[in-house]
Amino acid sequence: MFKPLIAAVAAAPLFAGAAFAGPYVNVETNAGWTGDDYTGATTDLHVGFEGALGDSANYYVQGGPAIVAVDGVDTETQFSGKAGLGFGIAESLSAYGEVSFLTADDSDDLGVGGKLGVKYSF
């Protein structure tokens, strides 16, 4: 019940003070296999907002239902979300970071993930 509220509050600093450039819809499926054995998939049905932060940075925040289909287990619908930042370091070099979460029916804890990276463009 409080998980979506917690996620929204946690993501608020990422877009505070910035103008919303635009809403979007993002449908994404992440599936997994071990060898040739299918293990499951999670499909996110997200609505989000993205925009610029100054001249060289951007942000996004999105959330919505996540359909979790683990092989051999009943399909569940959870709530998931992501928030991220990207910024230019030099003309051909940029950096990015993302925080994501997924609720679980049998726990008050959120599954949380993160990624950081750099991108060099030729």
C-alpha atoms as a PDB file:
ATOM      1  CA  MET A   1       0.000   0.000   0.000  1.00  0.00           C
ATOM      2  CA  PHE A   2       2.746   2.446   0.925  1.00  0.00           C
ATOM      3  CA  LYS A   3       5.331   1.118  -1.530  1.00  0.00           C
ATOM      4  CA  PRO A   4       4.261   3.334  -4.477  1.00  0.00           C
ATOM      5  CA  LEU A   5       4.297   6.364  -2.177  1.00  0.00           C
ATOM      6  CA  ILE A   6       7.769   5.493  -0.889  1.00  0.00           C
ATOM      7  CA  ALA A   7       9.017   5.076  -4.455  1.00  0.00           C
ATOM      8  CA  ALA A   8       7.543   8.415  -5.535  1.00  0.00           C
ATOM      9  CA  VAL A   9       9.117  10.222  -2.594  1.00  0.00           C
ATOM     10  CA  ALA A  10      12.476   8.552  -3.267  1.00  0.00           C
ATOM     11  CA  ALA A  11      12.387   9.627  -6.922  1.00  0.00           C
ATOM     12  CA  ALA A  12      11.202  13.207  -6.234  1.00  0.00           C
ATOM     13  CA  PRO A  13      14.707  14.733  -5.900  1.00  0.00           C
ATOM     14  CA  LEU A  14      15.535  13.518  -9.394  1.00  0.00           C
ATOM     15  CA  PHE A  15      12.980  15.819 -10.989  1.00  0.00           C
ATOM     16  CA  ALA A  16      12.541  18.588  -8.448  1.00  0.00           C
ATOM     17  CA  GLY A  17      13.071  22.025  -9.944  1.00  0.00           C
ATOM     18  CA  ALA A  18      13.137  20.790 -13.516  1.00  0.00           C
ATOM     19  CA  ALA A  19      10.470  21.317 -16.136  1.00  0.00           C
ATOM     20  CA  PHE A  20       8.785  18.173 -17.409  1.00  0.00           C
ATOM     21  CA  ALA A  21       9.726  17.841 -21.055  1.00  0.00           C
ATOM     22  CA  GLY A  22       7.248  15.139 -21.787  1.00  0.00           C
ATOM     23  CA  PRO A  23       5.381  12.055 -20.791  1.00  0.00           C
ATOM     24  CA  TYR A  24       5.937   8.673 -22.423  1.00  0.00           C
ATOM     25  CA  VAL A  25       4.901   5.017 -22.247  1.00  0.00           C
ATOM     26  CA  ASN A  26       7.553   2.307 -21.968  1.00  0.00           C
ATOM     27  CA  VAL A  27       6.734  -1.401 -22.330  1.00  0.00           C
ATOM     28  CA  GLU A  28       9.755  -3.613 -21.642  1.00  0.00           C
ATOM     29  CA  THR A  29      10.209  -7.347 -21.102  1.00  0.00           C
ATOM     30  CA  ASN A  30      13.265  -8.832 -19.410  1.00  0.00           C
ATOM     31  CA  ALA A  31      13.490 -12.616 -19.759  1.00  0.00           C
ATOM     32  CA  GLY A  32      16.041 -15.101 -18.473  1.00  0.00           C
ATOM     33  CA  TRP A  33      17.478 -18.488 -19.405  1.00  0.00           C
ATOM     34  CA  THR A  34      19.994 -20.795 -17.797  1.00  0.00           C
ATOM     35  CA  GLY A  35      21.516 -22.686 -20.698  1.00  0.00           C
ATOM     36  CA  ASP A  36      18.481 -23.623 -22.769  1.00  0.00           C
ATOM     37  CA  ASP A  37      16.139 -23.632 -19.733  1.00  0.00           C
ATOM     38  CA  TYR A  38      13.716 -20.657 -19.662  1.00  0.00           C
ATOM     39  CA  THR A  39      13.463 -19.312 -16.094  1.00  0.00           C
ATOM     40  CA  GLY A  40      10.960 -16.458 -16.416  1.00  0.00           C
ATOM     41  CA  ALA A  41      10.203 -12.927 -17.527  1.00  0.00           C
ATOM     42  CA  THR A  42       9.064  -9.612 -16.084  1.00  0.00           C
ATOM     43  CA  THR A  43       7.126  -7.214 -18.302  1.00  0.00           C
ATOM     44  CA  ASP A  44       6.953  -3.570 -17.180  1.00  0.00           C
ATOM     45  CA  LEU A  45       4.037  -1.418 -18.347  1.00  0.00           C
ATOM     46  CA  HIS A  46       5.333   2.015 -17.349  1.00  0.00           C
ATOM     47  CA  VAL A  47       4.238   5.606 -17.745  1.00  0.00           C
ATOM     48  CA  GLY A  48       7.002   8.147 -17.277  1.00  0.00           C
ATOM     49  CA  PHE A  49       8.310  11.664 -17.622  1.00  0.00           C
ATOM     50  CA  GLU A  50      11.654  12.795 -18.994  1.00  0.00           C
ATOM     51  CA  GLY A  51      13.368  16.102 -19.440  1.00  0.00           C
ATOM     52  CA  ALA A  52      16.521  18.188 -19.395  1.00  0.00           C
ATOM     53  CA  LEU A  53      18.441  19.391 -16.366  1.00  0.00           C
ATOM     54  CA  GLY A  54      20.429  22.328 -17.645  1.00  0.00           C
ATOM     55  CA  ASP A  55      22.433  22.088 -20.867  1.00  0.00           C
ATOM     56  CA  SER A  56      24.187  18.746 -20.458  1.00  0.00           C
ATOM     57  CA  ALA A  57      22.048  16.537 -18.205  1.00  0.00           C
ATOM     58  CA  ASN A  58      18.734  14.739 -18.447  1.00  0.00           C
ATOM     59  CA  TYR A  59      16.471  12.689 -16.207  1.00  0.00           C
ATOM     60  CA  TYR A  60      13.601  10.233 -16.357  1.00  0.00           C
ATOM     61  CA  VAL A  61      11.218   8.713 -13.837  1.00  0.00           C
ATOM     62  CA  GLN A  62       8.702   5.980 -14.673  1.00  0.00           C
ATOM     63  CA  GLY A  63       6.505   3.430 -12.967  1.00  0.00           C
ATOM     64  CA  GLY A  64       3.549   1.101 -13.297  1.00  0.00           C
ATOM     65  CA  PRO A  65       2.483  -2.530 -13.150  1.00  0.00           C
ATOM     66  CA  ALA A  66       4.987  -5.322 -13.669  1.00  0.00           C
ATOM     67  CA  ILE A  67       3.794  -8.738 -14.810  1.00  0.00           C
ATOM     68  CA  VAL A  68       6.096 -11.344 -13.258  1.00  0.00           C
ATOM     69  CA  ALA A  69       5.978 -14.747 -14.985  1.00  0.00           C
ATOM     70  CA  VAL A  70       8.375 -17.237 -13.392  1.00  0.00           C
ATOM     71  CA  ASP A  71       8.517 -20.621 -15.115  1.00  0.00           C
ATOM     72  CA  GLY A  72       6.324 -23.124 -13.276  1.00  0.00           C
ATOM     73  CA  VAL A  73       4.755 -20.520 -10.952  1.00  0.00           C
ATOM     74  CA  ASP A  74       1.494 -18.558 -11.231  1.00  0.00           C
ATOM     75  CA  THR A  75       1.902 -15.167 -12.901  1.00  0.00           C
ATOM     76  CA  GLU A  76       1.768 -12.200 -10.497  1.00  0.00           C
ATOM     77  CA  THR A  77       1.288  -8.478 -10.995  1.00  0.00           C
ATOM     78  CA  GLN A  78       3.560  -6.246  -8.923  1.00  0.00           C
ATOM     79  CA  PHE A  79       4.487  -2.543  -9.059  1.00  0.00           C
ATOM     80  CA  SER A  80       7.829  -1.408 -10.437  1.00  0.00           C
ATOM     81  CA  GLY A  81       9.597   1.811 -11.262  1.00  0.00           C
ATOM     82  CA  LYS A  82      12.845   3.356 -12.432  1.00  0.00           C
ATOM     83  CA  ALA A  83      14.522   6.729 -12.160  1.00  0.00           C
ATOM     84  CA  GLY A  84      17.699   7.781 -13.890  1.00  0.00           C
ATOM     85  CA  LEU A  85      20.090  10.592 -14.680  1.00  0.00           C
ATOM     86  CA  GLY A  86      22.453  11.112 -17.594  1.00  0.00           C
ATOM     87  CA  PHE A  87      25.004  13.851 -18.120  1.00  0.00           C
ATOM     88  CA  GLY A  88      27.722  14.853 -20.515  1.00  0.00           C
ATOM     89  CA  ILE A  89      31.319  14.716 -19.319  1.00  0.00           C
ATOM     90  CA  ALA A  90      33.029  15.695 -22.569  1.00  0.00           C
ATOM     91  CA  GLU A  91      32.025  16.003 -26.231  1.00  0.00           C
ATOM     92  CA  SER A  92      32.013  12.225 -26.822  1.00  0.00           C
ATOM     93  CA  LEU A  93      31.743  10.949 -23.244  1.00  0.00           C
ATOM     94  CA  SER A  94      28.681  10.713 -21.023  1.00  0.00           C
ATOM     95  CA  ALA A  95      27.718   8.982 -17.770  1.00  0.00           C
ATOM     96  CA  TYR A  96      24.431   7.607 -16.514  1.00  0.00           C
ATOM     97  CA  GLY A  97      22.870   6.040 -13.465  1.00  0.00           C
ATOM     98  CA  GLU A  98      19.574   4.298 -12.734  1.00  0.00           C
ATOM     99  CA  VAL A  99      17.756   3.062  -9.633  1.00  0.00           C
ATOM    100  CA  SER A 100      14.906   0.570 -10.009  1.00  0.00           C
ATOM    101  CA  PHE A 101      12.528  -1.277  -7.708  1.00  0.00           C
ATOM    102  CA  LEU A 102       9.972  -4.094  -7.738  1.00  0.00           C
ATOM    103  CA  THR A 103       7.423  -4.862  -5.013  1.00  0.00           C
ATOM    104  CA  ALA A 104       6.697  -8.356  -3.689  1.00  0.00           C
ATOM    105  CA  ASP A 105       3.400  -9.710  -2.310  1.00  0.00           C
ATOM    106  CA  ASP A 106       4.967 -11.784   0.436  1.00  0.00           C
ATOM    107  CA  SER A 107       7.313  -9.130   1.829  1.00  0.00           C
ATOM    108  CA  ASP A 108       7.341  -5.525   2.969  1.00  0.00           C
ATOM    109  CA  ASP A 109      10.770  -5.136   1.386  1.00  0.00           C
ATOM    110  CA  LEU A 110      11.320  -3.729  -2.087  1.00  0.00           C
ATOM    111  CA  GLY A 111      13.589  -5.462  -4.551  1.00  0.00           C
ATOM    112  CA  VAL A 112      15.994  -2.654  -5.487  1.00  0.00           C
ATOM    113  CA  GLY A 113      18.580  -2.497  -8.246  1.00  0.00           C
ATOM    114  CA  GLY A 114      20.954   0.025  -9.657  1.00  0.00           C
ATOM    115  CA  LYS A 115      23.305   0.611 -12.523  1.00  0.00           C
ATOM    116  CA  LEU A 116      26.039   3.066 -13.363  1.00  0.00           C
ATOM    117  CA  GLY A 117      27.828   3.415 -16.654  1.00  0.00           C
ATOM    118  CA  VAL A 118      29.772   5.532 -19.083  1.00  0.00           C
ATOM    119  CA  LYS A 119      29.238   5.791 -22.834  1.00  0.00           C
ATOM    120  CA  TYR A 120      31.813   6.843 -25.423  1.00  0.00           C
ATOM    121  CA  SER A 121      30.455   7.866 -28.841  1.00  0.00           C
ATOM    122  CA  PHE A 122      32.613   7.628 -31.979  1.00  0.00           C
END
